[in-house]
Amino acid sequence: MSVGEATISGQFGNDQGYKIMGIPITLFAIISAIVLGASYMDVLPKGMIGAFPIMMILGAILNEIGNKTPIVKDYLGGGPIVVIFGSAALVTYGILPVASNDIMVNFIKGEGFLSFYIAALITGSILGMDKKLLLRAAVRYFPVIFGGVVAALGLAGIVGGLMGYGVKEAVLYVALPIMGGGMGAGAVPLSQIFGDALAVDPAQILSKMVPALALGNAMAIVIAGLLNRVGKKMTTLSGNGRLMINQSDIKEDAIKSELNLKSMGTGLLIATTFFIFGSILAKFIPIHSYALMIISVAVAKSLGLIPQHYEECASQWFKFVMANFTPALLVGIGVAYTDLNAVIGALSFTYIVLVFFTVLGSVIGSGLVGKLTGFYPIEAAITGGLCMANMGGTGDVAVLSASDRMELMPFAQISSRIGGAFMLILATAVLKLFI
């Protein structure tokens, strides 16, 4: 190491102290000053070379705030919620320069970063699962998820009709996004599907969905804690973290190979190819390309059509994208798809009641079906119901922490991955009933 390198390492590379994105706070502050300074000087480059750094910087800062703020981090989803609404506020109130907003919006929409992210998420998460777990989940666990979804959508529709909100609006804009598996793999592709089917701007649809996601996630966490208390008093309903009655737990043997740079590049190609294949199928099958991509990946995984090495490649690429680009994507969602004024206008007593009954329906439906299929009702309600109603991976952690059942994470992930994918397919069918 040269003297110059040693000096830089000593000043900015110290592993001790507070870090953001794994970077010492001093160095992160310098990077942020450069990127944000370029933005306000109106010299931020167009395209991904400018969009990536400003979205990553804003995402990291807002995510840090959300994960450190009391109440928000425990009950409202933490970082993801703050990133989405915080970045939306920066745009709504004119805090960010218009030119920077345009760069980010074009990157998300025009240059396809959103589709790029979704392709990695869906392909890598499904191919990265253990095959036996995937098949077993479809046979025994999937009915639990389905029961929660049907009850949630049905109860939301009934309450929506009785309260004058409308059955269609309650199901499409409240229940479906809540049960959709989070933001990146749920509400965002749902808004795209709705936009294509209804000839409406996806941003307008997503603005209606985001409040439901936030409230649904908060209620799922609170109800998880209540179910834990119920389980301690009504012991026959709870397995104390054991999901299946009179049967050994299914344990996920997910791919855990060492990260490899070349493998991640191969994974990128596999993910984007599956996305393109979904687009090809959509030319012949009247189903959205996202849903067809999910089906094709699941079929390929179940039939063992892809060698394990390439499954590992897709899984590694997915993990890289999730670890590094999620906050940036959430910034893009806030900037390009979240109309803060529309979000505020959507909140009402009726709306809150609808969200509550949607989450309650997921608990009742999955709990009852779980009992019929040999699962403990409370564990089934938590994993098959609340882990569908929360905001994906971060919501799974919060729900299982609140219910003191972290050992059920493999099943929670099935709900978020396979269950969320199923909701995209179901959404296509439900839309046909209303249009």
Protein backbone atom coordinates (compact mmCIF):
# COMPACT_ATOMS: atom_id res chain seq x y z
CA MET A 1 0.00 0.00 0.00
CA SER A 2 1.35 3.42 -0.95
CA VAL A 3 1.60 6.39 1.39
CA GLY A 4 -1.31 8.08 -0.41
CA GLU A 5 -3.49 4.99 -0.11
CA ALA A 6 -2.63 4.66 3.55
CA THR A 7 -3.59 8.29 4.17
CA ILE A 8 -6.97 7.84 2.49
CA SER A 9 -7.57 4.64 4.39
CA GLY A 10 -6.71 6.35 7.64
CA GLN A 11 -8.96 9.32 7.02
CA PHE A 12 -12.03 7.72 5.45
CA GLY A 13 -11.68 3.95 5.56
CA ASN A 14 -11.72 3.43 9.32
CA ASP A 15 -13.98 0.46 10.12
CA GLN A 16 -14.83 1.94 13.52
CA GLY A 17 -17.74 4.27 14.18
CA TYR A 18 -21.12 4.93 12.62
CA LYS A 19 -21.70 3.82 9.03
CA ILE A 20 -24.35 4.22 6.35
CA MET A 21 -24.39 1.69 3.50
CA GLY A 22 -21.29 0.21 5.10
CA ILE A 23 -19.46 3.52 4.54
CA PRO A 24 -17.99 5.58 7.42
CA ILE A 25 -20.18 8.60 8.07
CA THR A 26 -17.46 11.11 7.09
CA LEU A 27 -16.92 9.55 3.68
CA PHE A 28 -20.66 9.12 3.17
CA ALA A 29 -21.16 12.82 3.93
CA ILE A 30 -18.55 13.77 1.30
CA ILE A 31 -20.19 11.51 -1.31
CA SER A 32 -23.61 12.93 -0.46
CA ALA A 33 -22.35 16.51 -0.73
CA ILE A 34 -20.94 15.83 -4.19
CA VAL A 35 -24.07 14.11 -5.50
CA LEU A 36 -26.59 16.51 -3.97
CA GLY A 37 -24.41 19.48 -4.89
CA ALA A 38 -24.46 18.38 -8.52
CA SER A 39 -28.23 18.07 -8.30
CA TYR A 40 -28.75 21.62 -7.04
CA MET A 41 -26.17 22.98 -9.49
CA ASP A 42 -28.21 21.33 -12.26
CA VAL A 43 -25.22 19.34 -13.53
CA LEU A 44 -26.37 15.88 -12.45
CA PRO A 45 -25.83 13.64 -15.51
CA LYS A 46 -28.88 12.17 -17.21
CA GLY A 47 -29.49 8.44 -17.36
CA MET A 48 -28.46 5.84 -14.82
CA ILE A 49 -25.06 7.50 -14.20
CA GLY A 50 -26.89 10.33 -12.45
CA ALA A 51 -29.99 8.48 -11.26
CA PHE A 52 -28.19 5.69 -9.41
CA PRO A 53 -26.08 7.84 -7.05
CA ILE A 54 -28.82 10.31 -6.08
CA MET A 55 -31.38 7.53 -5.54
CA MET A 56 -28.92 5.47 -3.52
CA ILE A 57 -27.92 8.46 -1.39
CA LEU A 58 -31.50 9.56 -0.69
CA GLY A 59 -32.58 5.96 -0.10
CA ALA A 60 -29.77 5.33 2.38
CA ILE A 61 -30.45 8.52 4.36
CA LEU A 62 -34.23 8.07 4.53
CA ASN A 63 -33.89 4.35 5.27
CA GLU A 64 -31.57 5.14 8.16
CA ILE A 65 -34.06 7.67 9.56
CA GLY A 66 -36.93 5.20 9.32
CA ASN A 67 -35.01 2.40 10.99
CA LYS A 68 -33.99 4.63 13.88
CA THR A 69 -37.27 6.46 14.54
CA PRO A 70 -39.32 5.07 17.46
CA ILE A 71 -42.84 3.85 16.65
CA VAL A 72 -42.11 4.13 12.91
CA LYS A 73 -39.49 1.36 13.07
CA ASP A 74 -41.60 -0.87 15.30
CA TYR A 75 -45.13 -0.43 13.98
CA LEU A 76 -45.14 1.36 10.62
CA GLY A 77 -42.64 -0.58 8.55
CA GLY A 78 -39.48 1.38 9.37
CA GLY A 79 -37.12 2.41 6.58
CA PRO A 80 -39.18 1.43 3.50
CA ILE A 81 -42.16 3.56 4.53
CA VAL A 82 -39.99 6.61 5.26
CA VAL A 83 -38.08 6.20 1.99
CA ILE A 84 -41.29 6.09 -0.06
CA PHE A 85 -43.13 8.93 1.65
CA GLY A 86 -39.99 10.95 2.34
CA SER A 87 -38.91 10.97 -1.30
CA ALA A 88 -42.48 11.70 -2.37
CA ALA A 89 -42.50 14.70 0.00
CA LEU A 90 -39.22 15.97 -1.47
CA VAL A 91 -40.92 16.10 -4.86
CA THR A 92 -44.36 17.28 -3.74
CA TYR A 93 -42.98 20.23 -1.80
CA GLY A 94 -40.33 21.18 -4.37
CA ILE A 95 -37.31 20.42 -2.21
CA LEU A 96 -35.50 18.53 -4.96
CA PRO A 97 -34.72 20.29 -8.25
CA VAL A 98 -37.12 19.48 -11.09
CA ALA A 99 -34.27 18.30 -13.33
CA SER A 100 -33.23 15.68 -10.76
CA ASN A 101 -36.83 14.52 -10.40
CA ASP A 102 -37.05 14.08 -14.16
CA ILE A 103 -33.84 12.04 -14.24
CA MET A 104 -35.15 9.65 -11.58
CA VAL A 105 -38.62 9.35 -13.11
CA ASN A 106 -37.17 8.57 -16.53
CA PHE A 107 -34.80 6.00 -15.03
CA ILE A 108 -37.64 4.18 -13.26
CA LYS A 109 -40.17 4.36 -16.08
CA GLY A 110 -38.50 5.11 -19.40
CA GLU A 111 -35.26 3.18 -18.89
CA GLY A 112 -36.91 0.21 -17.19
CA PHE A 113 -35.12 0.07 -13.83
CA LEU A 114 -38.36 -1.06 -12.18
CA SER A 115 -38.75 -4.01 -14.55
CA PHE A 116 -35.05 -4.80 -14.13
CA TYR A 117 -35.48 -5.02 -10.35
CA ILE A 118 -38.68 -7.07 -10.51
CA ALA A 119 -37.09 -9.58 -12.89
CA ALA A 120 -34.21 -10.16 -10.46
CA LEU A 121 -36.56 -10.39 -7.48
CA ILE A 122 -38.99 -12.93 -8.92
CA THR A 123 -36.51 -15.13 -10.79
CA GLY A 124 -33.89 -15.25 -8.05
CA SER A 125 -36.27 -15.77 -5.12
CA ILE A 126 -38.10 -18.68 -6.74
CA LEU A 127 -35.04 -20.40 -8.21
CA GLY A 128 -33.24 -19.91 -4.89
CA MET A 129 -35.82 -21.91 -2.93
CA ASP A 130 -35.44 -25.57 -2.07
CA LYS A 131 -37.36 -27.67 -4.63
CA LYS A 132 -38.94 -29.97 -2.05
CA LEU A 133 -40.05 -26.99 0.01
CA LEU A 134 -41.59 -25.39 -3.07
CA LEU A 135 -43.55 -28.55 -3.94
CA ARG A 136 -44.66 -29.22 -0.37
CA ALA A 137 -45.71 -25.63 0.06
CA ALA A 138 -47.92 -25.84 -3.02
CA VAL A 139 -49.63 -28.98 -1.75
CA ARG A 140 -50.19 -28.22 1.92
CA TYR A 141 -49.43 -24.58 2.60
CA PHE A 142 -50.87 -22.90 -0.44
CA PRO A 143 -54.51 -23.59 0.60
CA VAL A 144 -53.77 -21.71 3.83
CA ILE A 145 -52.64 -18.67 1.85
CA PHE A 146 -55.62 -18.99 -0.49
CA GLY A 147 -58.06 -19.14 2.44
CA GLY A 148 -56.63 -15.93 3.88
CA VAL A 149 -56.75 -14.16 0.53
CA VAL A 150 -60.37 -15.15 -0.18
CA ALA A 151 -61.53 -14.09 3.28
CA ALA A 152 -59.59 -10.81 3.10
CA LEU A 153 -60.94 -9.85 -0.33
CA GLY A 154 -64.45 -11.02 0.54
CA LEU A 155 -64.61 -9.19 3.87
CA ALA A 156 -63.15 -6.03 2.34
CA GLY A 157 -65.72 -6.15 -0.46
CA ILE A 158 -68.63 -6.64 1.95
CA VAL A 159 -67.52 -3.86 4.30
CA GLY A 160 -66.75 -1.59 1.34
CA GLY A 161 -70.25 -2.11 -0.01
CA LEU A 162 -71.93 -1.57 3.37
CA MET A 163 -69.97 1.62 4.08
CA GLY A 164 -70.58 3.13 0.65
CA TYR A 165 -66.94 2.92 -0.45
CA GLY A 166 -67.77 0.45 -3.19
CA VAL A 167 -67.09 -3.25 -3.58
CA LYS A 168 -64.85 -2.76 -6.64
CA GLU A 169 -62.77 0.01 -5.07
CA ALA A 170 -62.37 -1.89 -1.79
CA VAL A 171 -61.18 -5.07 -3.48
CA LEU A 172 -58.93 -3.51 -6.15
CA TYR A 173 -57.35 -0.61 -4.29
CA VAL A 174 -57.34 -1.80 -0.67
CA ALA A 175 -57.49 -5.59 -0.33
CA LEU A 176 -55.42 -6.65 -3.36
CA PRO A 177 -52.42 -4.39 -2.63
CA ILE A 178 -52.44 -5.32 1.07
CA MET A 179 -52.37 -9.02 0.22
CA GLY A 180 -49.98 -8.51 -2.70
CA GLY A 181 -46.68 -9.35 -1.05
CA GLY A 182 -45.19 -5.93 -0.32
CA MET A 183 -44.12 -3.02 -2.50
CA GLY A 184 -41.44 -4.10 -5.00
CA ALA A 185 -42.99 -7.46 -5.91
CA GLY A 186 -46.57 -6.56 -5.02
CA ALA A 187 -48.06 -3.09 -5.30
CA VAL A 188 -45.69 -1.86 -8.01
CA PRO A 189 -46.32 -4.68 -10.52
CA LEU A 190 -50.01 -4.62 -9.51
CA SER A 191 -50.18 -0.95 -10.48
CA GLN A 192 -48.59 -1.82 -13.81
CA ILE A 193 -51.14 -4.60 -14.40
CA PHE A 194 -54.03 -2.32 -13.39
CA GLY A 195 -52.68 0.50 -15.53
CA ASP A 196 -52.50 -1.68 -18.63
CA ALA A 197 -55.97 -3.17 -18.06
CA LEU A 198 -57.75 0.07 -17.11
CA ALA A 199 -55.79 2.43 -19.39
CA VAL A 200 -54.86 4.53 -16.34
CA ASP A 201 -51.49 5.95 -15.30
CA PRO A 202 -49.87 3.39 -12.90
CA ALA A 203 -48.71 6.31 -10.73
CA GLN A 204 -52.32 7.24 -10.05
CA ILE A 205 -53.17 3.68 -9.08
CA LEU A 206 -50.10 3.24 -6.89
CA SER A 207 -50.96 6.43 -4.99
CA LYS A 208 -54.22 4.75 -3.99
CA MET A 209 -52.45 1.53 -2.99
CA VAL A 210 -49.57 2.88 -0.90
CA PRO A 211 -51.71 4.05 2.06
CA ALA A 212 -53.30 0.59 2.22
CA LEU A 213 -49.86 -1.01 2.27
CA ALA A 214 -48.61 1.21 5.08
CA LEU A 215 -51.70 0.81 7.25
CA GLY A 216 -51.98 -2.91 6.49
CA ASN A 217 -48.37 -3.49 7.49
CA ALA A 218 -48.83 -1.61 10.77
CA MET A 219 -52.00 -3.50 11.63
CA ALA A 220 -50.42 -6.86 10.74
CA ILE A 221 -47.59 -6.23 13.21
CA VAL A 222 -49.96 -5.20 16.01
CA ILE A 223 -52.29 -8.16 15.41
CA ALA A 224 -49.28 -10.52 15.39
CA GLY A 225 -48.48 -9.42 18.93
CA LEU A 226 -52.09 -9.95 19.98
CA LEU A 227 -52.16 -13.45 18.48
CA ASN A 228 -49.06 -14.32 20.48
CA ARG A 229 -50.94 -13.39 23.65
CA VAL A 230 -54.00 -15.36 22.55
CA GLY A 231 -51.83 -18.41 21.91
CA LYS A 232 -50.46 -18.30 25.45
CA LYS A 233 -53.98 -18.29 26.90
CA MET A 234 -55.59 -20.72 24.42
CA THR A 235 -52.86 -23.32 24.11
CA THR A 236 -54.86 -25.68 21.87
CA LEU A 237 -54.77 -23.09 19.08
CA SER A 238 -51.02 -22.59 19.14
CA GLY A 239 -47.98 -24.73 18.40
CA ASN A 240 -45.68 -22.22 20.09
CA GLY A 241 -43.81 -21.71 16.85
CA ARG A 242 -44.50 -25.16 15.39
CA LEU A 243 -46.75 -24.85 12.34
CA MET A 244 -47.82 -28.42 11.56
CA ILE A 245 -49.72 -30.71 13.92
CA ASN A 246 -48.31 -34.24 14.34
CA GLN A 247 -45.75 -33.74 11.61
CA SER A 248 -42.13 -32.69 11.57
CA ASP A 249 -41.43 -29.16 10.43
CA ILE A 250 -40.44 -28.51 6.84
CA LYS A 251 -37.03 -26.91 6.85
CA GLU A 252 -35.85 -24.83 3.96
CA ASP A 253 -32.56 -25.92 2.45
CA ALA A 254 -32.06 -22.79 0.40
CA ILE A 255 -29.04 -22.29 -1.81
CA LYS A 256 -26.14 -20.96 0.26
CA SER A 257 -23.16 -20.96 -2.13
CA GLU A 258 -20.35 -18.43 -1.88
CA LEU A 259 -20.87 -15.22 -3.80
CA ASN A 260 -19.13 -15.14 -7.17
CA LEU A 261 -18.86 -12.11 -9.45
CA LYS A 262 -19.10 -14.14 -12.66
CA SER A 263 -22.12 -16.03 -11.32
CA MET A 264 -23.95 -12.79 -10.61
CA GLY A 265 -23.44 -11.73 -14.21
CA THR A 266 -24.93 -15.02 -15.38
CA GLY A 267 -27.81 -14.49 -12.96
CA LEU A 268 -28.49 -11.09 -14.49
CA LEU A 269 -28.82 -12.71 -17.92
CA ILE A 270 -31.11 -15.47 -16.63
CA ALA A 271 -33.39 -13.00 -14.83
CA THR A 272 -33.77 -10.66 -17.79
CA THR A 273 -34.28 -13.60 -20.17
CA PHE A 274 -37.18 -14.90 -18.07
CA PHE A 275 -38.63 -11.38 -18.14
CA ILE A 276 -38.40 -11.34 -21.94
CA PHE A 277 -39.89 -14.85 -22.11
CA GLY A 278 -42.88 -13.60 -20.12
CA SER A 279 -43.32 -10.82 -22.66
CA ILE A 280 -43.23 -13.37 -25.51
CA LEU A 281 -45.87 -15.53 -23.81
CA ALA A 282 -48.07 -12.46 -23.27
CA LYS A 283 -48.33 -12.16 -27.06
CA PHE A 284 -50.23 -15.45 -27.14
CA ILE A 285 -51.78 -15.73 -23.66
CA PRO A 286 -54.12 -13.00 -22.30
CA ILE A 287 -52.28 -12.72 -18.97
CA HIS A 288 -49.87 -10.00 -17.87
CA SER A 289 -46.22 -10.69 -18.68
CA TYR A 290 -45.25 -10.44 -14.98
CA ALA A 291 -47.63 -13.25 -14.09
CA LEU A 292 -46.43 -15.37 -17.02
CA MET A 293 -42.83 -14.81 -15.98
CA ILE A 294 -43.67 -16.06 -12.48
CA ILE A 295 -45.41 -19.15 -13.83
CA SER A 296 -42.55 -19.96 -16.17
CA VAL A 297 -39.93 -19.63 -13.41
CA ALA A 298 -41.98 -21.78 -11.00
CA VAL A 299 -42.53 -24.47 -13.67
CA ALA A 300 -38.83 -24.48 -14.57
CA LYS A 301 -37.92 -24.83 -10.90
CA SER A 302 -40.47 -27.58 -10.18
CA LEU A 303 -39.50 -29.65 -13.21
CA GLY A 304 -35.78 -29.21 -12.63
CA LEU A 305 -35.24 -27.69 -16.07
CA ILE A 306 -32.44 -25.39 -14.93
CA PRO A 307 -29.16 -26.86 -13.61
CA GLN A 308 -28.48 -26.02 -9.98
CA HIS A 309 -25.44 -23.92 -10.84
CA TYR A 310 -27.60 -21.51 -12.83
CA GLU A 311 -30.23 -21.46 -10.11
CA GLU A 312 -27.43 -20.37 -7.79
CA CYS A 313 -26.43 -17.68 -10.26
CA ALA A 314 -29.98 -16.27 -10.33
CA SER A 315 -30.19 -16.44 -6.54
CA GLN A 316 -26.89 -14.58 -6.12
CA TRP A 317 -27.93 -11.85 -8.53
CA PHE A 318 -31.24 -11.49 -6.67
CA LYS A 319 -29.42 -11.11 -3.35
CA PHE A 320 -27.06 -8.51 -4.80
CA VAL A 321 -29.95 -6.46 -6.24
CA MET A 322 -31.97 -6.72 -3.04
CA ALA A 323 -29.04 -5.71 -0.82
CA ASN A 324 -27.89 -2.76 -2.91
CA PHE A 325 -30.77 -1.40 -4.97
CA THR A 326 -33.87 -1.73 -2.77
CA PRO A 327 -33.63 1.70 -1.08
CA ALA A 328 -32.89 3.27 -4.48
CA LEU A 329 -35.94 1.57 -5.98
CA LEU A 330 -38.12 2.80 -3.11
CA VAL A 331 -36.92 6.34 -3.81
CA GLY A 332 -37.97 5.85 -7.40
CA ILE A 333 -41.37 4.60 -6.27
CA GLY A 334 -41.79 7.64 -4.06
CA VAL A 335 -40.70 10.07 -6.78
CA ALA A 336 -42.34 8.48 -9.83
CA TYR A 337 -45.37 6.65 -8.46
CA THR A 338 -46.48 8.26 -5.20
CA ASP A 339 -48.70 11.32 -5.33
CA LEU A 340 -48.50 12.50 -1.74
CA ASN A 341 -51.55 14.72 -2.06
CA ALA A 342 -53.58 11.78 -3.33
CA VAL A 343 -52.29 9.61 -0.48
CA ILE A 344 -53.33 12.16 2.14
CA GLY A 345 -56.69 12.60 0.46
CA ALA A 346 -57.31 8.83 0.53
CA LEU A 347 -57.05 8.54 4.30
CA SER A 348 -60.40 8.51 6.05
CA PHE A 349 -62.26 6.63 8.78
CA THR A 350 -63.85 4.39 6.14
CA TYR A 351 -60.46 3.65 4.59
CA ILE A 352 -58.92 2.69 7.92
CA VAL A 353 -61.87 0.39 8.70
CA LEU A 354 -61.49 -1.29 5.30
CA VAL A 355 -57.80 -1.92 5.90
CA PHE A 356 -58.53 -3.39 9.34
CA PHE A 357 -61.16 -5.82 8.02
CA THR A 358 -58.87 -6.85 5.17
CA VAL A 359 -56.12 -7.82 7.62
CA LEU A 360 -58.66 -9.43 9.95
CA GLY A 361 -60.02 -11.45 7.03
CA SER A 362 -56.54 -12.74 6.24
CA VAL A 363 -56.20 -13.95 9.83
CA ILE A 364 -59.61 -15.63 9.97
CA GLY A 365 -59.36 -17.29 6.55
CA SER A 366 -55.84 -18.65 6.90
CA GLY A 367 -56.43 -19.73 10.49
CA LEU A 368 -59.57 -21.73 9.62
CA VAL A 369 -58.06 -23.37 6.55
CA GLY A 370 -54.88 -24.06 8.47
CA LYS A 371 -56.86 -25.95 11.08
CA LEU A 372 -58.51 -28.06 8.37
CA THR A 373 -55.18 -28.90 6.71
CA GLY A 374 -53.38 -29.93 9.89
CA PHE A 375 -51.76 -26.67 10.95
CA TYR A 376 -52.05 -24.85 14.23
CA PRO A 377 -54.54 -21.99 13.62
CA ILE A 378 -52.47 -19.22 15.19
CA GLU A 379 -49.27 -20.17 13.35
CA ALA A 380 -51.25 -20.53 10.12
CA ALA A 381 -52.86 -17.13 10.66
CA ILE A 382 -49.49 -15.50 11.31
CA THR A 383 -47.60 -17.01 8.38
CA GLY A 384 -50.36 -17.56 5.79
CA GLY A 385 -52.36 -14.47 6.73
CA LEU A 386 -50.31 -11.70 8.32
CA CYS A 387 -47.18 -12.46 6.30
CA MET A 388 -49.32 -11.93 3.19
CA ALA A 389 -50.78 -8.70 4.56
CA ASN A 390 -47.45 -7.13 5.53
CA MET A 391 -44.83 -5.41 3.36
CA GLY A 392 -42.79 -8.36 2.19
CA GLY A 393 -39.44 -9.32 3.73
CA THR A 394 -39.14 -6.46 6.22
CA GLY A 395 -42.76 -7.01 7.20
CA ASP A 396 -42.09 -10.73 7.75
CA VAL A 397 -39.33 -9.93 10.20
CA ALA A 398 -41.52 -7.43 12.06
CA VAL A 399 -44.55 -9.74 12.21
CA LEU A 400 -42.58 -12.78 13.36
CA SER A 401 -40.69 -10.68 15.91
CA ALA A 402 -43.95 -9.30 17.31
CA SER A 403 -45.41 -12.81 17.56
CA ASP A 404 -42.16 -14.32 18.93
CA ARG A 405 -42.07 -16.92 16.15
CA MET A 406 -38.93 -16.19 14.13
CA GLU A 407 -38.47 -19.92 13.49
CA LEU A 408 -41.38 -19.71 11.05
CA MET A 409 -39.39 -17.53 8.66
CA PRO A 410 -39.25 -20.19 5.89
CA PHE A 411 -43.05 -20.24 5.73
CA ALA A 412 -43.24 -16.47 5.94
CA GLN A 413 -40.94 -16.31 2.94
CA ILE A 414 -43.19 -18.70 1.03
CA SER A 415 -46.07 -16.30 1.67
CA SER A 416 -44.05 -13.32 0.51
CA ARG A 417 -42.52 -15.06 -2.51
CA ILE A 418 -45.04 -17.57 -3.85
CA GLY A 419 -48.09 -15.96 -2.27
CA GLY A 420 -47.15 -12.54 -3.59
CA ALA A 421 -46.61 -14.01 -7.05
CA PHE A 422 -50.01 -15.70 -6.89
CA MET A 423 -51.64 -12.34 -6.15
CA LEU A 424 -50.34 -10.93 -9.43
CA ILE A 425 -51.97 -13.82 -11.27
CA LEU A 426 -55.17 -13.48 -9.25
CA ALA A 427 -55.27 -9.73 -9.91
CA THR A 428 -55.48 -10.38 -13.64
CA ALA A 429 -58.51 -12.63 -13.11
CA VAL A 430 -60.19 -10.26 -10.63
CA LEU A 431 -59.81 -7.32 -12.99
CA LYS A 432 -61.80 -9.19 -15.63
CA LEU A 433 -64.72 -9.36 -13.21
CA PHE A 434 -64.84 -5.57 -12.85
CA ILE A 435 -64.08 -4.35 -16.39
